[in-house]
């Protein structure tokens, strides 16, 4: 599995109690790529006060930043 597809904050736990006794569950949540893109999008949106970029351009830019970060992490 590529680093970009790995879970950003995986959760593996075992529930306790009468109803879920012995039930194991796992939640992978967002991938690292999705998480990094969301963080980048937050930063891009905070810089674009007048909303000139628009949502599609902002999202595309955020994905490019996320991919660049993942590539840099692979190289290090």
PDB file of N, CA and C in Angstrom:
ATOM      1  N   UNK A   1       0.842  -1.176   0.000  1.00  0.00           N
ATOM      2  CA  UNK A   1       0.000   0.000   0.000  1.00  0.00           C
ATOM      3  C   UNK A   1       0.891   1.245   0.000  1.00  0.00           C
ATOM      4  N   UNK A   2       0.591   2.180  -0.879  1.00  0.00           N
ATOM      5  CA  UNK A   2       1.359   3.412  -0.949  1.00  0.00           C
ATOM      6  C   UNK A   2       1.110   4.268   0.294  1.00  0.00           C
ATOM      7  N   UNK A   3       2.088   5.081   0.650  1.00  0.00           N
ATOM      8  CA  UNK A   3       1.970   5.959   1.808  1.00  0.00           C
ATOM      9  C   UNK A   3       0.738   6.853   1.704  1.00  0.00           C
ATOM     10  N   UNK A   4       0.435   7.339   0.515  1.00  0.00           N
ATOM     11  CA  UNK A   4      -0.715   8.228   0.329  1.00  0.00           C
ATOM     12  C   UNK A   4      -2.033   7.539   0.651  1.00  0.00           C
ATOM     13  N   UNK A   5      -2.085   6.222   0.497  1.00  0.00           N
ATOM     14  CA  UNK A   5      -3.313   5.469   0.730  1.00  0.00           C
ATOM     15  C   UNK A   5      -3.421   4.912   2.144  1.00  0.00           C
ATOM     16  N   UNK A   6      -2.389   5.112   2.938  1.00  0.00           N
ATOM     17  CA  UNK A   6      -2.412   4.618   4.320  1.00  0.00           C
ATOM     18  C   UNK A   6      -3.334   5.508   5.154  1.00  0.00           C
ATOM     19  N   UNK A   7      -3.946   4.965   6.198  1.00  0.00           N
ATOM     20  CA  UNK A   7      -4.823   5.768   7.034  1.00  0.00           C
ATOM     21  C   UNK A   7      -4.049   6.861   7.767  1.00  0.00           C
ATOM     22  N   UNK A   8      -4.663   8.032   7.865  1.00  0.00           N
ATOM     23  CA  UNK A   8      -4.030   9.147   8.569  1.00  0.00           C
ATOM     24  C   UNK A   8      -4.097   8.934  10.081  1.00  0.00           C
ATOM     25  N   UNK A   9      -5.236   8.472  10.576  1.00  0.00           N
ATOM     26  CA  UNK A   9      -5.416   8.260  12.009  1.00  0.00           C
ATOM     27  C   UNK A   9      -6.245   7.003  12.246  1.00  0.00           C
ATOM     28  N   UNK A  10      -5.657   5.832  12.029  1.00  0.00           N
ATOM     29  CA  UNK A  10      -6.435   4.603  12.171  1.00  0.00           C
ATOM     30  C   UNK A  10      -6.841   4.350  13.619  1.00  0.00           C
ATOM     31  N   UNK A  11      -7.940   3.663  13.765  1.00  0.00           N
ATOM     32  CA  UNK A  11      -8.429   3.315  15.090  1.00  0.00           C
ATOM     33  C   UNK A  11      -8.769   1.837  15.080  1.00  0.00           C
ATOM     34  N   UNK A  12      -8.137   1.103  15.953  1.00  0.00           N
ATOM     35  CA  UNK A  12      -8.432  -0.313  16.103  1.00  0.00           C
ATOM     36  C   UNK A  12      -8.739  -0.517  17.569  1.00  0.00           C
ATOM     37  N   UNK A  13      -9.932  -0.951  17.866  1.00  0.00           N
ATOM     38  CA  UNK A  13     -10.344  -1.026  19.262  1.00  0.00           C
ATOM     39  C   UNK A  13     -11.271  -2.208  19.476  1.00  0.00           C
ATOM     40  N   UNK A  14     -11.490  -2.488  20.728  1.00  0.00           N
ATOM     41  CA  UNK A  14     -12.424  -3.537  21.092  1.00  0.00           C
ATOM     42  C   UNK A  14     -13.452  -2.925  22.022  1.00  0.00           C
ATOM     43  N   UNK A  15     -14.706  -3.057  21.650  1.00  0.00           N
ATOM     44  CA  UNK A  15     -15.784  -2.495  22.454  1.00  0.00           C
ATOM     45  C   UNK A  15     -16.064  -3.384  23.649  1.00  0.00           C
ATOM     46  N   UNK A  16     -16.505  -2.762  24.717  1.00  0.00           N
ATOM     47  CA  UNK A  16     -16.864  -3.510  25.919  1.00  0.00           C
ATOM     48  C   UNK A  16     -18.288  -3.160  26.316  1.00  0.00           C
ATOM     49  N   UNK A  17     -18.893  -4.018  27.056  1.00  0.00           N
ATOM     50  CA  UNK A  17     -20.250  -3.778  27.514  1.00  0.00           C
ATOM     51  C   UNK A  17     -21.158  -4.926  27.129  1.00  0.00           C
ATOM     52  N   UNK A  18     -22.386  -4.882  27.619  1.00  0.00           N
ATOM     53  CA  UNK A  18     -23.334  -5.967  27.396  1.00  0.00           C
ATOM     54  C   UNK A  18     -23.665  -6.175  25.920  1.00  0.00           C
ATOM     55  N   UNK A  19     -23.886  -5.094  25.198  1.00  0.00           N
ATOM     56  CA  UNK A  19     -24.344  -5.213  23.814  1.00  0.00           C
ATOM     57  C   UNK A  19     -23.209  -5.612  22.876  1.00  0.00           C
ATOM     58  N   UNK A  20     -22.045  -5.001  23.041  1.00  0.00           N
ATOM     59  CA  UNK A  20     -20.955  -5.196  22.080  1.00  0.00           C
ATOM     60  C   UNK A  20     -19.806  -6.017  22.649  1.00  0.00           C
ATOM     61  N   UNK A  21     -20.078  -6.873  23.590  1.00  0.00           N
ATOM     62  CA  UNK A  21     -19.011  -7.625  24.238  1.00  0.00           C
ATOM     63  C   UNK A  21     -18.243  -8.464  23.223  1.00  0.00           C
ATOM     64  N   UNK A  22     -16.951  -8.265  23.203  1.00  0.00           N
ATOM     65  CA  UNK A  22     -16.094  -9.023  22.312  1.00  0.00           C
ATOM     66  C   UNK A  22     -16.092  -8.558  20.868  1.00  0.00           C
ATOM     67  N   UNK A  23     -16.777  -7.498  20.557  1.00  0.00           N
ATOM     68  CA  UNK A  23     -16.846  -7.007  19.182  1.00  0.00           C
ATOM     69  C   UNK A  23     -15.639  -6.134  18.887  1.00  0.00           C
ATOM     70  N   UNK A  24     -14.890  -6.490  17.851  1.00  0.00           N
ATOM     71  CA  UNK A  24     -13.740  -5.679  17.429  1.00  0.00           C
ATOM     72  C   UNK A  24     -14.141  -4.852  16.221  1.00  0.00           C
ATOM     73  N   UNK A  25     -13.655  -3.647  16.186  1.00  0.00           N
ATOM     74  CA  UNK A  25     -13.930  -2.806  15.034  1.00  0.00           C
ATOM     75  C   UNK A  25     -12.694  -2.004  14.669  1.00  0.00           C
ATOM     76  N   UNK A  26     -12.633  -1.629  13.430  1.00  0.00           N
ATOM     77  CA  UNK A  26     -11.497  -0.868  12.927  1.00  0.00           C
ATOM     78  C   UNK A  26     -12.022   0.219  12.001  1.00  0.00           C
ATOM     79  N   UNK A  27     -11.539   1.418  12.190  1.00  0.00           N
ATOM     80  CA  UNK A  27     -11.914   2.545  11.339  1.00  0.00           C
ATOM     81  C   UNK A  27     -10.641   3.158  10.785  1.00  0.00           C
ATOM     82  N   UNK A  28     -10.533   3.202   9.483  1.00  0.00           N
ATOM     83  CA  UNK A  28      -9.335   3.787   8.895  1.00  0.00           C
ATOM     84  C   UNK A  28      -9.476   5.286   8.707  1.00  0.00           C
ATOM     85  N   UNK A  29     -10.685   5.786   8.610  1.00  0.00           N
ATOM     86  CA  UNK A  29     -10.874   7.220   8.450  1.00  0.00           C
ATOM     87  C   UNK A  29     -10.301   7.713   7.131  1.00  0.00           C
ATOM     88  N   UNK A  30      -9.787   8.932   7.145  1.00  0.00           N
ATOM     89  CA  UNK A  30      -9.215   9.536   5.947  1.00  0.00           C
ATOM     90  C   UNK A  30      -7.866   8.923   5.609  1.00  0.00           C
ATOM     91  N   UNK A  31      -7.542   8.938   4.329  1.00  0.00           N
ATOM     92  CA  UNK A  31      -6.184   8.572   3.945  1.00  0.00           C
ATOM     93  C   UNK A  31      -5.274   9.758   4.248  1.00  0.00           C
ATOM     94  N   UNK A  32      -3.978   9.504   4.247  1.00  0.00           N
ATOM     95  CA  UNK A  32      -3.031  10.600   4.463  1.00  0.00           C
ATOM     96  C   UNK A  32      -3.200  11.660   3.381  1.00  0.00           C
ATOM     97  N   UNK A  33      -3.413  11.218   2.158  1.00  0.00           N
ATOM     98  CA  UNK A  33      -3.581  12.174   1.057  1.00  0.00           C
ATOM     99  C   UNK A  33      -4.800  13.062   1.290  1.00  0.00           C
ATOM    100  N   UNK A  34      -5.915  12.467   1.681  1.00  0.00           N
ATOM    101  CA  UNK A  34      -7.125  13.244   1.951  1.00  0.00           C
ATOM    102  C   UNK A  34      -6.910  14.210   3.108  1.00  0.00           C
ATOM    103  N   UNK A  35      -6.249  13.739   4.147  1.00  0.00           N
ATOM    104  CA  UNK A  35      -6.002  14.582   5.317  1.00  0.00           C
ATOM    105  C   UNK A  35      -5.100  15.763   4.960  1.00  0.00           C
ATOM    106  N   UNK A  36      -4.002  15.480   4.251  1.00  0.00           N
ATOM    107  CA  UNK A  36      -3.088  16.557   3.866  1.00  0.00           C
ATOM    108  C   UNK A  36      -3.776  17.545   2.923  1.00  0.00           C
ATOM    109  N   UNK A  37      -4.614  17.050   2.022  1.00  0.00           N
ATOM    110  CA  UNK A  37      -5.335  17.940   1.109  1.00  0.00           C
ATOM    111  C   UNK A  37      -6.301  18.837   1.877  1.00  0.00           C
ATOM    112  N   UNK A  38      -6.963  18.296   2.880  1.00  0.00           N
ATOM    113  CA  UNK A  38      -7.880  19.103   3.687  1.00  0.00           C
ATOM    114  C   UNK A  38      -7.130  20.199   4.437  1.00  0.00           C
ATOM    115  N   UNK A  39      -5.958  19.858   4.973  1.00  0.00           N
ATOM    116  CA  UNK A  39      -5.158  20.868   5.668  1.00  0.00           C
ATOM    117  C   UNK A  39      -4.693  21.951   4.700  1.00  0.00           C
ATOM    118  N   UNK A  40      -4.250  21.539   3.515  1.00  0.00           N
ATOM    119  CA  UNK A  40      -3.809  22.511   2.513  1.00  0.00           C
ATOM    120  C   UNK A  40      -4.973  23.388   2.056  1.00  0.00           C
ATOM    121  N   UNK A  41      -6.139  22.785   1.884  1.00  0.00           N
ATOM    122  CA  UNK A  41      -7.307  23.553   1.448  1.00  0.00           C
ATOM    123  C   UNK A  41      -7.686  24.592   2.490  1.00  0.00           C
ATOM    124  N   UNK A  42      -7.578  24.232   3.744  1.00  0.00           N
ATOM    125  CA  UNK A  42      -7.850  25.179   4.819  1.00  0.00           C
ATOM    126  C   UNK A  42      -6.935  26.390   4.697  1.00  0.00           C
ATOM    127  N   UNK A  43      -5.651  26.140   4.485  1.00  0.00           N
ATOM    128  CA  UNK A  43      -4.700  27.237   4.341  1.00  0.00           C
ATOM    129  C   UNK A  43      -4.972  28.078   3.108  1.00  0.00           C
ATOM    130  N   UNK A  44      -5.271  27.435   1.986  1.00  0.00           N
ATOM    131  CA  UNK A  44      -5.561  28.174   0.759  1.00  0.00           C
ATOM    132  C   UNK A  44      -6.807  29.038   0.912  1.00  0.00           C
ATOM    133  N   UNK A  45      -7.826  28.499   1.563  1.00  0.00           N
ATOM    134  CA  UNK A  45      -9.056  29.260   1.762  1.00  0.00           C
ATOM    135  C   UNK A  45      -8.834  30.450   2.682  1.00  0.00           C
ATOM    136  N   UNK A  46      -7.973  30.290   3.666  1.00  0.00           N
ATOM    137  CA  UNK A  46      -7.725  31.400   4.589  1.00  0.00           C
ATOM    138  C   UNK A  46      -6.950  32.525   3.912  1.00  0.00           C
ATOM    139  N   UNK A  47      -6.203  32.208   2.858  1.00  0.00           N
ATOM    140  CA  UNK A  47      -5.440  33.221   2.128  1.00  0.00           C
ATOM    141  C   UNK A  47      -6.290  33.919   1.055  1.00  0.00           C
ATOM    142  N   UNK A  48      -7.336  33.253   0.585  1.00  0.00           N
ATOM    143  CA  UNK A  48      -8.172  33.769  -0.505  1.00  0.00           C
ATOM    144  C   UNK A  48      -9.395  34.477   0.072  1.00  0.00           C
ATOM    145  N   UNK A  49      -9.159  35.625   0.685  1.00  0.00           N
ATOM    146  CA  UNK A  49     -10.214  36.335   1.414  1.00  0.00           C
ATOM    147  C   UNK A  49     -11.386  36.706   0.506  1.00  0.00           C
ATOM    148  N   UNK A  50     -11.113  37.106  -0.704  1.00  0.00           N
ATOM    149  CA  UNK A  50     -12.187  37.552  -1.603  1.00  0.00           C
ATOM    150  C   UNK A  50     -12.787  36.416  -2.423  1.00  0.00           C
ATOM    151  N   UNK A  51     -12.319  35.211  -2.230  1.00  0.00           N
ATOM    152  CA  UNK A  51     -12.890  34.061  -2.926  1.00  0.00           C
ATOM    153  C   UNK A  51     -12.638  34.054  -4.420  1.00  0.00           C
ATOM    154  N   UNK A  52     -11.506  34.552  -4.843  1.00  0.00           N
ATOM    155  CA  UNK A  52     -11.215  34.649  -6.276  1.00  0.00           C
ATOM    156  C   UNK A  52     -10.872  33.301  -6.903  1.00  0.00           C
ATOM    157  N   UNK A  53     -10.322  32.397  -6.128  1.00  0.00           N
ATOM    158  CA  UNK A  53      -9.924  31.110  -6.698  1.00  0.00           C
ATOM    159  C   UNK A  53     -11.116  30.229  -7.033  1.00  0.00           C
ATOM    160  N   UNK A  54     -12.121  30.247  -6.226  1.00  0.00           N
ATOM    161  CA  UNK A  54     -13.269  29.373  -6.424  1.00  0.00           C
ATOM    162  C   UNK A  54     -13.002  27.993  -5.845  1.00  0.00           C
ATOM    163  N   UNK A  55     -14.057  27.249  -5.580  1.00  0.00           N
ATOM    164  CA  UNK A  55     -13.901  25.962  -4.908  1.00  0.00           C
ATOM    165  C   UNK A  55     -13.136  24.917  -5.714  1.00  0.00           C
ATOM    166  N   UNK A  56     -13.363  24.835  -7.006  1.00  0.00           N
ATOM    167  CA  UNK A  56     -12.675  23.811  -7.806  1.00  0.00           C
ATOM    168  C   UNK A  56     -11.181  24.079  -7.896  1.00  0.00           C
ATOM    169  N   UNK A  57     -10.805  25.327  -8.117  1.00  0.00           N
ATOM    170  CA  UNK A  57      -9.381  25.669  -8.199  1.00  0.00           C
ATOM    171  C   UNK A  57      -8.709  25.485  -6.848  1.00  0.00           C
ATOM    172  N   UNK A  58      -9.405  25.839  -5.779  1.00  0.00           N
ATOM    173  CA  UNK A  58      -8.847  25.664  -4.437  1.00  0.00           C
ATOM    174  C   UNK A  58      -8.641  24.187  -4.137  1.00  0.00           C
ATOM    175  N   UNK A  59      -9.635  23.365  -4.469  1.00  0.00           N
ATOM    176  CA  UNK A  59      -9.522  21.925  -4.228  1.00  0.00           C
ATOM    177  C   UNK A  59      -8.390  21.317  -5.053  1.00  0.00           C
ATOM    178  N   UNK A  60      -8.277  21.714  -6.313  1.00  0.00           N
ATOM    179  CA  UNK A  60      -7.212  21.184  -7.170  1.00  0.00           C
ATOM    180  C   UNK A  60      -5.843  21.583  -6.634  1.00  0.00           C
ATOM    181  N   UNK A  61      -5.717  22.817  -6.174  1.00  0.00           N
ATOM    182  CA  UNK A  61      -4.454  23.272  -5.592  1.00  0.00           C
ATOM    183  C   UNK A  61      -4.112  22.512  -4.324  1.00  0.00           C
ATOM    184  N   UNK A  62      -5.122  22.258  -3.507  1.00  0.00           N
ATOM    185  CA  UNK A  62      -4.902  21.535  -2.254  1.00  0.00           C
ATOM    186  C   UNK A  62      -4.391  20.122  -2.520  1.00  0.00           C
ATOM    187  N   UNK A  63      -4.947  19.467  -3.526  1.00  0.00           N
ATOM    188  CA  UNK A  63      -4.501  18.114  -3.875  1.00  0.00           C
ATOM    189  C   UNK A  63      -3.057  18.149  -4.374  1.00  0.00           C
ATOM    190  N   UNK A  64      -2.707  19.169  -5.140  1.00  0.00           N
ATOM    191  CA  UNK A  64      -1.321  19.293  -5.622  1.00  0.00           C
ATOM    192  C   UNK A  64      -0.356  19.471  -4.452  1.00  0.00           C
ATOM    193  N   UNK A  65      -0.735  20.288  -3.468  1.00  0.00           N
ATOM    194  CA  UNK A  65       0.117  20.463  -2.289  1.00  0.00           C
ATOM    195  C   UNK A  65       0.242  19.157  -1.508  1.00  0.00           C
ATOM    196  N   UNK A  66      -0.867  18.433  -1.367  1.00  0.00           N
ATOM    197  CA  UNK A  66      -0.833  17.155  -0.652  1.00  0.00           C
ATOM    198  C   UNK A  66       0.076  16.162  -1.365  1.00  0.00           C
ATOM    199  N   UNK A  67      -0.042  16.089  -2.678  1.00  0.00           N
ATOM    200  CA  UNK A  67       0.805  15.172  -3.447  1.00  0.00           C
ATOM    201  C   UNK A  67       2.280  15.553  -3.342  1.00  0.00           C
ATOM    202  N   UNK A  68       2.563  16.857  -3.350  1.00  0.00           N
ATOM    203  CA  UNK A  68       3.950  17.310  -3.219  1.00  0.00           C
ATOM    204  C   UNK A  68       4.518  16.926  -1.857  1.00  0.00           C
ATOM    205  N   UNK A  69       3.719  17.055  -0.814  1.00  0.00           N
ATOM    206  CA  UNK A  69       4.175  16.675   0.524  1.00  0.00           C
ATOM    207  C   UNK A  69       4.430  15.177   0.600  1.00  0.00           C
ATOM    208  N   UNK A  70       3.526  14.382   0.078  1.00  0.00           N
ATOM    209  CA  UNK A  70       3.712  12.928   0.098  1.00  0.00           C
ATOM    210  C   UNK A  70       4.939  12.513  -0.703  1.00  0.00           C
ATOM    211  N   UNK A  71       5.180  13.176  -1.821  1.00  0.00           N
ATOM    212  CA  UNK A  71       6.364  12.882  -2.625  1.00  0.00           C
ATOM    213  C   UNK A  71       7.633  13.231  -1.852  1.00  0.00           C
ATOM    214  N   UNK A  72       7.628  14.370  -1.175  1.00  0.00           N
ATOM    215  CA  UNK A  72       8.793  14.765  -0.380  1.00  0.00           C
ATOM    216  C   UNK A  72       9.034  13.786   0.765  1.00  0.00           C
ATOM    217  N   UNK A  73       7.969  13.286   1.360  1.00  0.00           N
ATOM    218  CA  UNK A  73       8.113  12.313   2.446  1.00  0.00           C
ATOM    219  C   UNK A  73       8.672  10.994   1.931  1.00  0.00           C
ATOM    220  N   UNK A  74       8.283  10.604   0.727  1.00  0.00           N
ATOM    221  CA  UNK A  74       8.815   9.374   0.130  1.00  0.00           C
ATOM    222  C   UNK A  74      10.304   9.508  -0.157  1.00  0.00           C
ATOM    223  N   UNK A  75      10.731  10.714  -0.547  1.00  0.00           N
ATOM    224  CA  UNK A  75      12.128  10.953  -0.905  1.00  0.00           C
ATOM    225  C   UNK A  75      13.047  11.043   0.306  1.00  0.00           C
ATOM    226  N   UNK A  76      12.480  11.338   1.467  1.00  0.00           N
ATOM    227  CA  UNK A  76      13.339  11.518   2.653  1.00  0.00           C
ATOM    228  C   UNK A  76      13.585  10.230   3.394  1.00  0.00           C
TER     229      UNK A  76
END
